[in-house]
Amino acid sequence: MPFCSCGEVRIHFEERGRGVPFLLVSGLSGGVWSWYGQIPFFSERYRTIAFDNRGAGRSDMPPGPYTIRQFAEDALRVLDHLGIEKTLLMGLSMGGMIAQELTLMAPSRVLALALGCTHHGGERRVGPSAEVMAVLLGNDGLTQEQIVEKNLPIFLGRRFLQEQPAEVDSYRKAQLSTELQPEFAFQAQLAAIAGFDSRERLCGLGVPTLVITGTEDLLVPGENAHMLASAIPGAELVEIPGAGHALHAECRDRLNDLVDRFFQRHVPGSLR
């Protein structure tokens, strides 16, 4: 099982495929397993790498606090460990914040960037409602299965939940394929999100950037995508009608195609 070290913290990663490197960065409580709908597709086209953020999956779970910069440093260490100088990059939700931070820290390492269901942080970001946060945080006394089930309506769009039971079950199984994240690590990752603010720095983000959002995202409302795209020079914005927060599951094929086409247009030779 592959690991690399970032200081005293071990980060678990996996890679598949050949070609131009493509790093996937997952969100809150997520990891390699989150990309069950992306790795099979992109590994046919790119050298595809995914990893578990500190505090989740098989990576180490040191006591908090965590920061988005720390997560970005972990991601860069994975690239260093694999000898990758330049990569395509996609991050969703908290992973989109990590991807922003990584690109701002090391712009020469990123060929092109895709950001989904995410925000730039700070006081101007639009947060979820109190009701949605109550659901997300209401984990006391629940089993992993119960936590996954009660979170489905805040991660997935209503139509998807009603009309795609097989795909919902695939998402459910993916969430249950790893051990439950400890509460202290969940809270440490949440605190990292709360402390993130890239807005005033985004004018210096000089790589081709695609921003994607769903119009029914309850956790990161779509207004955030508009603010994010307007703050990044030349960024392209795509809204997916009716989609919720978990774009990688609910809009698997649409997301994969959008990102693949964007990379092909902006990075000559990215598709072998």
C-alpha atoms as a PDB file:
ATOM      1  CA  MET A   1       0.000   0.000   0.000  1.00  0.00           C
ATOM      2  CA  PRO A   2       1.746   3.221  -1.143  1.00  0.00           C
ATOM      3  CA  PHE A   3       2.451   6.021   1.312  1.00  0.00           C
ATOM      4  CA  CYS A   4       4.629   9.104   1.330  1.00  0.00           C
ATOM      5  CA  SER A   5       5.743  11.199   4.280  1.00  0.00           C
ATOM      6  CA  CYS A   6       4.950  14.853   4.902  1.00  0.00           C
ATOM      7  CA  GLY A   7       6.947  15.569   8.024  1.00  0.00           C
ATOM      8  CA  GLU A   8       5.741  13.040  10.562  1.00  0.00           C
ATOM      9  CA  VAL A   9       2.446  12.433   8.739  1.00  0.00           C
ATOM     10  CA  ARG A  10       2.047   9.554   6.286  1.00  0.00           C
ATOM     11  CA  ILE A  11      -0.225  10.207   3.313  1.00  0.00           C
ATOM     12  CA  HIS A  12      -1.813   7.304   1.475  1.00  0.00           C
ATOM     13  CA  PHE A  13      -2.079   7.612  -2.298  1.00  0.00           C
ATOM     14  CA  GLU A  14      -2.894   5.504  -5.332  1.00  0.00           C
ATOM     15  CA  GLU A  15      -2.088   5.945  -9.016  1.00  0.00           C
ATOM     16  CA  ARG A  16      -3.326   4.365 -12.219  1.00  0.00           C
ATOM     17  CA  GLY A  17      -2.769   4.938 -15.919  1.00  0.00           C
ATOM     18  CA  ARG A  18      -0.082   6.570 -18.013  1.00  0.00           C
ATOM     19  CA  GLY A  19       0.444   9.907 -19.695  1.00  0.00           C
ATOM     20  CA  VAL A  20       0.172  13.477 -18.436  1.00  0.00           C
ATOM     21  CA  PRO A  21      -0.208  13.460 -14.622  1.00  0.00           C
ATOM     22  CA  PHE A  22      -3.620  14.331 -13.198  1.00  0.00           C
ATOM     23  CA  LEU A  23      -4.046  14.836  -9.445  1.00  0.00           C
ATOM     24  CA  LEU A  24      -7.486  14.461  -7.825  1.00  0.00           C
ATOM     25  CA  VAL A  25      -8.054  16.232  -4.492  1.00  0.00           C
ATOM     26  CA  SER A  26     -11.027  15.127  -2.400  1.00  0.00           C
ATOM     27  CA  GLY A  27     -13.218  17.031   0.019  1.00  0.00           C
ATOM     28  CA  LEU A  28     -14.332  16.826   3.629  1.00  0.00           C
ATOM     29  CA  SER A  29     -14.066  13.252   4.966  1.00  0.00           C
ATOM     30  CA  GLY A  30     -13.179  12.033   1.457  1.00  0.00           C
ATOM     31  CA  GLY A  31     -10.273  10.188  -0.055  1.00  0.00           C
ATOM     32  CA  VAL A  32      -9.263   7.850  -2.849  1.00  0.00           C
ATOM     33  CA  TRP A  33     -12.593   5.995  -2.647  1.00  0.00           C
ATOM     34  CA  SER A  34     -14.476   9.206  -3.439  1.00  0.00           C
ATOM     35  CA  TRP A  35     -13.246   9.051  -7.034  1.00  0.00           C
ATOM     36  CA  TYR A  36     -14.880   5.734  -7.969  1.00  0.00           C
ATOM     37  CA  GLY A  37     -16.556   7.468 -10.903  1.00  0.00           C
ATOM     38  CA  GLN A  38     -13.442   9.330 -12.094  1.00  0.00           C
ATOM     39  CA  ILE A  39     -10.422   7.036 -11.737  1.00  0.00           C
ATOM     40  CA  PRO A  40     -11.651   4.413 -14.252  1.00  0.00           C
ATOM     41  CA  PHE A  41     -12.378   7.153 -16.821  1.00  0.00           C
ATOM     42  CA  PHE A  42      -9.330   9.372 -16.395  1.00  0.00           C
ATOM     43  CA  SER A  43      -6.803   6.546 -15.955  1.00  0.00           C
ATOM     44  CA  GLU A  44      -7.532   5.569 -19.577  1.00  0.00           C
ATOM     45  CA  ARG A  45      -6.288   9.028 -20.584  1.00  0.00           C
ATOM     46  CA  TYR A  46      -3.902  10.300 -17.905  1.00  0.00           C
ATOM     47  CA  ARG A  47      -1.556   9.190 -15.152  1.00  0.00           C
ATOM     48  CA  THR A  48      -4.212   9.582 -12.479  1.00  0.00           C
ATOM     49  CA  ILE A  49      -3.279  10.075  -8.821  1.00  0.00           C
ATOM     50  CA  ALA A  50      -5.600  10.315  -5.818  1.00  0.00           C
ATOM     51  CA  PHE A  51      -4.811  10.434  -2.111  1.00  0.00           C
ATOM     52  CA  ASP A  52      -6.438  10.526   1.316  1.00  0.00           C
ATOM     53  CA  ASN A  53      -6.169  13.909   3.016  1.00  0.00           C
ATOM     54  CA  ARG A  54      -4.666  13.871   6.486  1.00  0.00           C
ATOM     55  CA  GLY A  55      -7.430  13.002   8.897  1.00  0.00           C
ATOM     56  CA  ALA A  56      -9.225  10.623   6.539  1.00  0.00           C
ATOM     57  CA  GLY A  57      -8.997   7.132   5.089  1.00  0.00           C
ATOM     58  CA  ARG A  58      -5.634   5.406   5.360  1.00  0.00           C
ATOM     59  CA  SER A  59      -3.627   8.599   5.867  1.00  0.00           C
ATOM     60  CA  ASP A  60      -2.451   9.518   9.348  1.00  0.00           C
ATOM     61  CA  MET A  61      -4.804  11.416  11.617  1.00  0.00           C
ATOM     62  CA  PRO A  62      -2.742  13.707  13.833  1.00  0.00           C
ATOM     63  CA  PRO A  63      -4.503  15.945  16.350  1.00  0.00           C
ATOM     64  CA  GLY A  64      -5.729  19.237  14.897  1.00  0.00           C
ATOM     65  CA  PRO A  65      -5.726  21.981  14.071  1.00  0.00           C
ATOM     66  CA  TYR A  66      -5.421  21.389  10.331  1.00  0.00           C
ATOM     67  CA  THR A  67      -5.166  24.094   7.669  1.00  0.00           C
ATOM     68  CA  ILE A  68      -5.882  24.157   3.953  1.00  0.00           C
ATOM     69  CA  ARG A  69      -2.240  25.085   3.388  1.00  0.00           C
ATOM     70  CA  GLN A  70      -1.216  21.950   5.285  1.00  0.00           C
ATOM     71  CA  PHE A  71      -3.412  19.832   3.007  1.00  0.00           C
ATOM     72  CA  ALA A  72      -1.874  21.545  -0.039  1.00  0.00           C
ATOM     73  CA  GLU A  73       1.625  20.819   1.263  1.00  0.00           C
ATOM     74  CA  ASP A  74       0.620  17.164   1.639  1.00  0.00           C
ATOM     75  CA  ALA A  75      -0.561  17.130  -1.983  1.00  0.00           C
ATOM     76  CA  LEU A  76       2.693  18.662  -3.178  1.00  0.00           C
ATOM     77  CA  ARG A  77       4.616  16.056  -1.220  1.00  0.00           C
ATOM     78  CA  VAL A  78       2.725  13.316  -3.070  1.00  0.00           C
ATOM     79  CA  LEU A  79       3.781  14.914  -6.363  1.00  0.00           C
ATOM     80  CA  ASP A  80       7.385  15.202  -5.163  1.00  0.00           C
ATOM     81  CA  HIS A  81       7.398  11.589  -4.024  1.00  0.00           C
ATOM     82  CA  LEU A  82       6.258  10.493  -7.494  1.00  0.00           C
ATOM     83  CA  GLY A  83       8.725  12.762  -9.284  1.00  0.00           C
ATOM     84  CA  ILE A  84       5.958  14.813 -10.910  1.00  0.00           C
ATOM     85  CA  GLU A  85       6.979  18.353 -11.822  1.00  0.00           C
ATOM     86  CA  LYS A  86       3.737  19.451 -13.502  1.00  0.00           C
ATOM     87  CA  THR A  87       0.186  18.140 -13.219  1.00  0.00           C
ATOM     88  CA  LEU A  88      -3.384  18.693 -14.232  1.00  0.00           C
ATOM     89  CA  LEU A  89      -5.419  19.266 -11.089  1.00  0.00           C
ATOM     90  CA  MET A  90      -9.026  18.854  -9.961  1.00  0.00           C
ATOM     91  CA  GLY A  91     -10.457  19.485  -6.507  1.00  0.00           C
ATOM     92  CA  LEU A  92     -14.034  19.254  -5.303  1.00  0.00           C
ATOM     93  CA  SER A  93     -15.516  20.969  -2.242  1.00  0.00           C
ATOM     94  CA  MET A  94     -12.752  21.206   0.385  1.00  0.00           C
ATOM     95  CA  GLY A  95     -10.548  19.669  -2.276  1.00  0.00           C
ATOM     96  CA  GLY A  96     -11.237  22.714  -4.431  1.00  0.00           C
ATOM     97  CA  MET A  97      -9.891  24.920  -1.664  1.00  0.00           C
ATOM     98  CA  ILE A  98      -6.806  22.726  -1.387  1.00  0.00           C
ATOM     99  CA  ALA A  99      -6.357  22.901  -5.161  1.00  0.00           C
ATOM    100  CA  GLN A 100      -6.569  26.708  -5.078  1.00  0.00           C
ATOM    101  CA  GLU A 101      -3.981  26.840  -2.311  1.00  0.00           C
ATOM    102  CA  LEU A 102      -1.658  24.416  -4.066  1.00  0.00           C
ATOM    103  CA  THR A 103      -1.822  26.429  -7.287  1.00  0.00           C
ATOM    104  CA  LEU A 104      -1.170  29.695  -5.467  1.00  0.00           C
ATOM    105  CA  MET A 105       1.748  28.144  -3.572  1.00  0.00           C
ATOM    106  CA  ALA A 106       3.337  26.452  -6.585  1.00  0.00           C
ATOM    107  CA  PRO A 107       1.881  27.850  -9.829  1.00  0.00           C
ATOM    108  CA  SER A 108       4.633  26.328 -11.951  1.00  0.00           C
ATOM    109  CA  ARG A 109       3.475  22.849 -10.918  1.00  0.00           C
ATOM    110  CA  VAL A 110      -0.078  23.162 -12.302  1.00  0.00           C
ATOM    111  CA  LEU A 111      -0.904  22.875 -16.008  1.00  0.00           C
ATOM    112  CA  ALA A 112      -4.649  23.480 -15.695  1.00  0.00           C
ATOM    113  CA  LEU A 113      -7.180  23.513 -12.865  1.00  0.00           C
ATOM    114  CA  ALA A 114     -10.756  22.301 -12.397  1.00  0.00           C
ATOM    115  CA  LEU A 115     -12.688  23.422  -9.308  1.00  0.00           C
ATOM    116  CA  GLY A 116     -16.067  21.924  -8.449  1.00  0.00           C
ATOM    117  CA  CYS A 117     -18.671  22.745  -5.764  1.00  0.00           C
ATOM    118  CA  THR A 118     -16.258  24.959  -3.857  1.00  0.00           C
ATOM    119  CA  HIS A 119     -15.636  28.547  -2.726  1.00  0.00           C
ATOM    120  CA  HIS A 120     -12.863  31.037  -2.009  1.00  0.00           C
ATOM    121  CA  GLY A 121     -13.636  31.251   1.703  1.00  0.00           C
ATOM    122  CA  GLY A 122     -13.626  34.397   3.768  1.00  0.00           C
ATOM    123  CA  GLU A 123     -16.477  36.583   4.942  1.00  0.00           C
ATOM    124  CA  ARG A 124     -18.036  36.979   1.497  1.00  0.00           C
ATOM    125  CA  ARG A 125     -18.612  33.306   0.832  1.00  0.00           C
ATOM    126  CA  VAL A 126     -22.207  32.069   0.945  1.00  0.00           C
ATOM    127  CA  GLY A 127     -22.587  29.308   3.511  1.00  0.00           C
ATOM    128  CA  PRO A 128     -25.183  26.568   3.897  1.00  0.00           C
ATOM    129  CA  SER A 129     -28.348  27.176   5.879  1.00  0.00           C
ATOM    130  CA  ALA A 130     -28.490  26.489   9.602  1.00  0.00           C
ATOM    131  CA  GLU A 131     -30.762  23.517   8.878  1.00  0.00           C
ATOM    132  CA  VAL A 132     -28.261  21.958   6.470  1.00  0.00           C
ATOM    133  CA  MET A 133     -25.391  22.465   8.911  1.00  0.00           C
ATOM    134  CA  ALA A 134     -27.453  20.863  11.672  1.00  0.00           C
ATOM    135  CA  VAL A 135     -27.859  17.764   9.520  1.00  0.00           C
ATOM    136  CA  LEU A 136     -24.167  17.663   8.573  1.00  0.00           C
ATOM    137  CA  LEU A 137     -23.000  18.018  12.175  1.00  0.00           C
ATOM    138  CA  GLY A 138     -25.634  15.797  13.774  1.00  0.00           C
ATOM    139  CA  ASN A 139     -23.525  12.648  14.050  1.00  0.00           C
ATOM    140  CA  ASP A 140     -23.681  11.938  17.778  1.00  0.00           C
ATOM    141  CA  GLY A 141     -24.675   8.364  18.530  1.00  0.00           C
ATOM    142  CA  LEU A 142     -25.105   7.402  14.876  1.00  0.00           C
ATOM    143  CA  THR A 143     -23.543   4.474  13.067  1.00  0.00           C
ATOM    144  CA  GLN A 144     -21.593   5.030   9.864  1.00  0.00           C
ATOM    145  CA  GLU A 145     -24.540   3.720   7.856  1.00  0.00           C
ATOM    146  CA  GLN A 146     -26.898   6.150   9.593  1.00  0.00           C
ATOM    147  CA  ILE A 147     -24.556   9.087   9.000  1.00  0.00           C
ATOM    148  CA  VAL A 148     -24.288   8.315   5.290  1.00  0.00           C
ATOM    149  CA  GLU A 149     -28.060   7.927   4.993  1.00  0.00           C
ATOM    150  CA  LYS A 150     -29.025  11.150   6.764  1.00  0.00           C
ATOM    151  CA  ASN A 151     -26.477  13.066   4.638  1.00  0.00           C
ATOM    152  CA  LEU A 152     -27.811  11.879   1.271  1.00  0.00           C
ATOM    153  CA  PRO A 153     -30.358  14.725   0.854  1.00  0.00           C
ATOM    154  CA  ILE A 154     -27.751  17.415   1.538  1.00  0.00           C
ATOM    155  CA  PHE A 155     -25.161  15.960  -0.825  1.00  0.00           C
ATOM    156  CA  LEU A 156     -27.367  14.832  -3.719  1.00  0.00           C
ATOM    157  CA  GLY A 157     -30.014  16.638  -5.772  1.00  0.00           C
ATOM    158  CA  ARG A 158     -33.675  15.752  -5.300  1.00  0.00           C
ATOM    159  CA  ARG A 159     -34.221  14.436  -8.812  1.00  0.00           C
ATOM    160  CA  PHE A 160     -31.136  12.240  -8.655  1.00  0.00           C
ATOM    161  CA  LEU A 161     -32.286  10.761  -5.357  1.00  0.00           C
ATOM    162  CA  GLN A 162     -35.702   9.988  -6.798  1.00  0.00           C
ATOM    163  CA  GLU A 163     -34.772   8.766 -10.262  1.00  0.00           C
ATOM    164  CA  GLN A 164     -31.364   7.100  -9.957  1.00  0.00           C
ATOM    165  CA  PRO A 165     -31.580   4.549  -7.117  1.00  0.00           C
ATOM    166  CA  ALA A 166     -28.777   2.379  -8.527  1.00  0.00           C
ATOM    167  CA  GLU A 167     -26.395   5.352  -8.727  1.00  0.00           C
ATOM    168  CA  VAL A 168     -27.403   6.500  -5.253  1.00  0.00           C
ATOM    169  CA  ASP A 169     -26.568   3.017  -3.999  1.00  0.00           C
ATOM    170  CA  SER A 170     -23.147   3.180  -5.680  1.00  0.00           C
ATOM    171  CA  TYR A 171     -22.498   6.466  -3.878  1.00  0.00           C
ATOM    172  CA  ARG A 172     -23.691   4.957  -0.604  1.00  0.00           C
ATOM    173  CA  LYS A 173     -21.407   1.933  -0.996  1.00  0.00           C
ATOM    174  CA  ALA A 174     -18.421   4.139  -1.787  1.00  0.00           C
ATOM    175  CA  GLN A 175     -18.965   6.119   1.420  1.00  0.00           C
ATOM    176  CA  LEU A 176     -19.159   2.889   3.412  1.00  0.00           C
ATOM    177  CA  SER A 177     -16.072   1.349   1.802  1.00  0.00           C
ATOM    178  CA  THR A 178     -13.729   3.009   4.295  1.00  0.00           C
ATOM    179  CA  GLU A 179     -13.771   3.286   8.075  1.00  0.00           C
ATOM    180  CA  LEU A 180     -15.761   6.043   9.735  1.00  0.00           C
ATOM    181  CA  GLN A 181     -13.746   9.228  10.162  1.00  0.00           C
ATOM    182  CA  PRO A 182     -13.079   9.994  13.839  1.00  0.00           C
ATOM    183  CA  GLU A 183     -14.989  12.995  15.134  1.00  0.00           C
ATOM    184  CA  PHE A 184     -11.828  14.916  16.071  1.00  0.00           C
ATOM    185  CA  ALA A 185     -10.515  14.611  12.493  1.00  0.00           C
ATOM    186  CA  PHE A 186     -13.895  15.621  11.037  1.00  0.00           C
ATOM    187  CA  GLN A 187     -13.904  18.721  13.227  1.00  0.00           C
ATOM    188  CA  ALA A 188     -10.270  19.514  12.370  1.00  0.00           C
ATOM    189  CA  GLN A 189     -11.070  19.392   8.646  1.00  0.00           C
ATOM    190  CA  LEU A 190     -14.143  21.582   9.193  1.00  0.00           C
ATOM    191  CA  ALA A 191     -11.996  24.108  11.054  1.00  0.00           C
ATOM    192  CA  ALA A 192      -9.561  24.180   8.136  1.00  0.00           C
ATOM    193  CA  ILE A 193     -12.440  25.073   5.808  1.00  0.00           C
ATOM    194  CA  ALA A 194     -13.611  27.809   8.190  1.00  0.00           C
ATOM    195  CA  GLY A 195     -10.131  29.324   8.280  1.00  0.00           C
ATOM    196  CA  PHE A 196      -9.610  29.386   4.509  1.00  0.00           C
ATOM    197  CA  ASP A 197      -9.637  32.610   2.488  1.00  0.00           C
ATOM    198  CA  SER A 198      -8.072  32.911  -0.962  1.00  0.00           C
ATOM    199  CA  ARG A 199     -10.172  35.703  -2.453  1.00  0.00           C
ATOM    200  CA  GLU A 200      -7.620  38.517  -2.397  1.00  0.00           C
ATOM    201  CA  ARG A 201      -4.944  36.224  -3.829  1.00  0.00           C
ATOM    202  CA  LEU A 202      -6.917  34.759  -6.725  1.00  0.00           C
ATOM    203  CA  CYS A 203      -6.039  37.625  -9.074  1.00  0.00           C
ATOM    204  CA  GLY A 204      -2.596  36.021  -9.228  1.00  0.00           C
ATOM    205  CA  LEU A 205      -3.889  32.591 -10.204  1.00  0.00           C
ATOM    206  CA  GLY A 206      -2.605  32.412 -13.754  1.00  0.00           C
ATOM    207  CA  VAL A 207      -3.438  28.899 -14.944  1.00  0.00           C
ATOM    208  CA  PRO A 208      -6.434  27.887 -17.104  1.00  0.00           C
ATOM    209  CA  THR A 209      -9.290  27.315 -14.657  1.00  0.00           C
ATOM    210  CA  LEU A 210     -12.702  25.698 -14.965  1.00  0.00           C
ATOM    211  CA  VAL A 211     -15.285  26.287 -12.201  1.00  0.00           C
ATOM    212  CA  ILE A 212     -18.281  23.928 -11.987  1.00  0.00           C
ATOM    213  CA  THR A 213     -21.336  24.106  -9.742  1.00  0.00           C
ATOM    214  CA  GLY A 214     -24.753  22.509  -9.357  1.00  0.00           C
ATOM    215  CA  THR A 215     -27.822  24.707  -9.061  1.00  0.00           C
ATOM    216  CA  GLU A 216     -29.156  22.635  -6.126  1.00  0.00           C
ATOM    217  CA  ASP A 217     -25.938  22.552  -4.092  1.00  0.00           C
ATOM    218  CA  LEU A 218     -27.076  22.977  -0.481  1.00  0.00           C
ATOM    219  CA  LEU A 219     -23.605  22.839   1.087  1.00  0.00           C
ATOM    220  CA  VAL A 220     -21.787  25.286  -1.210  1.00  0.00           C
ATOM    221  CA  PRO A 221     -24.522  27.327  -2.905  1.00  0.00           C
ATOM    222  CA  GLY A 222     -23.928  28.253  -6.533  1.00  0.00           C
ATOM    223  CA  GLU A 223     -23.370  31.941  -5.787  1.00  0.00           C
ATOM    224  CA  ASN A 224     -19.932  30.899  -4.582  1.00  0.00           C
ATOM    225  CA  ALA A 225     -18.974  29.592  -8.013  1.00  0.00           C
ATOM    226  CA  HIS A 226     -19.879  32.926  -9.614  1.00  0.00           C
ATOM    227  CA  MET A 227     -17.730  34.822  -7.104  1.00  0.00           C
ATOM    228  CA  LEU A 228     -14.890  32.345  -7.493  1.00  0.00           C
ATOM    229  CA  ALA A 229     -14.897  32.461 -11.289  1.00  0.00           C
ATOM    230  CA  SER A 230     -15.078  36.265 -11.330  1.00  0.00           C
ATOM    231  CA  ALA A 231     -12.026  36.471  -9.049  1.00  0.00           C
ATOM    232  CA  ILE A 232      -9.850  34.175 -11.197  1.00  0.00           C
ATOM    233  CA  PRO A 233      -8.531  35.757 -14.413  1.00  0.00           C
ATOM    234  CA  GLY A 234     -10.036  34.086 -17.463  1.00  0.00           C
ATOM    235  CA  ALA A 235     -11.874  31.375 -15.528  1.00  0.00           C
ATOM    236  CA  GLU A 236     -14.698  29.496 -17.244  1.00  0.00           C
ATOM    237  CA  LEU A 237     -17.908  28.770 -15.315  1.00  0.00           C
ATOM    238  CA  VAL A 238     -20.329  25.902 -15.916  1.00  0.00           C
ATOM    239  CA  GLU A 239     -23.604  25.451 -14.005  1.00  0.00           C
ATOM    240  CA  ILE A 240     -25.309  22.058 -14.036  1.00  0.00           C
ATOM    241  CA  PRO A 241     -29.086  22.453 -13.586  1.00  0.00           C
ATOM    242  CA  GLY A 242     -30.595  20.410 -10.752  1.00  0.00           C
ATOM    243  CA  ALA A 243     -27.295  19.024  -9.519  1.00  0.00           C
ATOM    244  CA  GLY A 244     -26.442  18.882  -5.826  1.00  0.00           C
ATOM    245  CA  HIS A 245     -23.101  18.996  -4.068  1.00  0.00           C
ATOM    246  CA  ALA A 246     -21.613  15.588  -4.896  1.00  0.00           C
ATOM    247  CA  LEU A 247     -20.927  16.343  -8.552  1.00  0.00           C
ATOM    248  CA  HIS A 248     -18.463  13.460  -8.866  1.00  0.00           C
ATOM    249  CA  ALA A 249     -21.286  10.978  -8.175  1.00  0.00           C
ATOM    250  CA  GLU A 250     -24.436  12.669  -9.403  1.00  0.00           C
ATOM    251  CA  CYS A 251     -22.923  14.129 -12.584  1.00  0.00           C
ATOM    252  CA  ARG A 252     -20.155  11.610 -13.119  1.00  0.00           C
ATOM    253  CA  ASP A 253     -20.225  11.473 -16.915  1.00  0.00           C
ATOM    254  CA  ARG A 254     -20.931  15.192 -17.389  1.00  0.00           C
ATOM    255  CA  LEU A 255     -18.181  16.171 -14.960  1.00  0.00           C
ATOM    256  CA  ASN A 256     -15.655  13.811 -16.522  1.00  0.00           C
ATOM    257  CA  ASP A 257     -16.418  15.050 -20.029  1.00  0.00           C
ATOM    258  CA  LEU A 258     -16.327  18.734 -19.056  1.00  0.00           C
ATOM    259  CA  VAL A 259     -12.967  18.405 -17.345  1.00  0.00           C
ATOM    260  CA  ASP A 260     -11.431  16.205 -20.046  1.00  0.00           C
ATOM    261  CA  ARG A 261     -12.480  18.582 -22.823  1.00  0.00           C
ATOM    262  CA  PHE A 262     -11.248  21.588 -20.860  1.00  0.00           C
ATOM    263  CA  PHE A 263      -7.833  20.016 -20.372  1.00  0.00           C
ATOM    264  CA  GLN A 264      -7.592  19.073 -24.040  1.00  0.00           C
ATOM    265  CA  ARG A 265      -8.409  22.631 -25.113  1.00  0.00           C
ATOM    266  CA  HIS A 266      -6.024  24.348 -22.733  1.00  0.00           C
ATOM    267  CA  VAL A 267      -3.110  21.937 -22.428  1.00  0.00           C
ATOM    268  CA  PRO A 268      -1.928  20.746 -25.852  1.00  0.00           C
ATOM    269  CA  GLY A 269      -0.899  17.116 -25.716  1.00  0.00           C
ATOM    270  CA  SER A 270      -2.755  16.381 -22.468  1.00  0.00           C
ATOM    271  CA  LEU A 271      -4.558  13.506 -24.164  1.00  0.00           C
ATOM    272  CA  ARG A 272      -2.180  10.909 -25.469  1.00  0.00           C
END
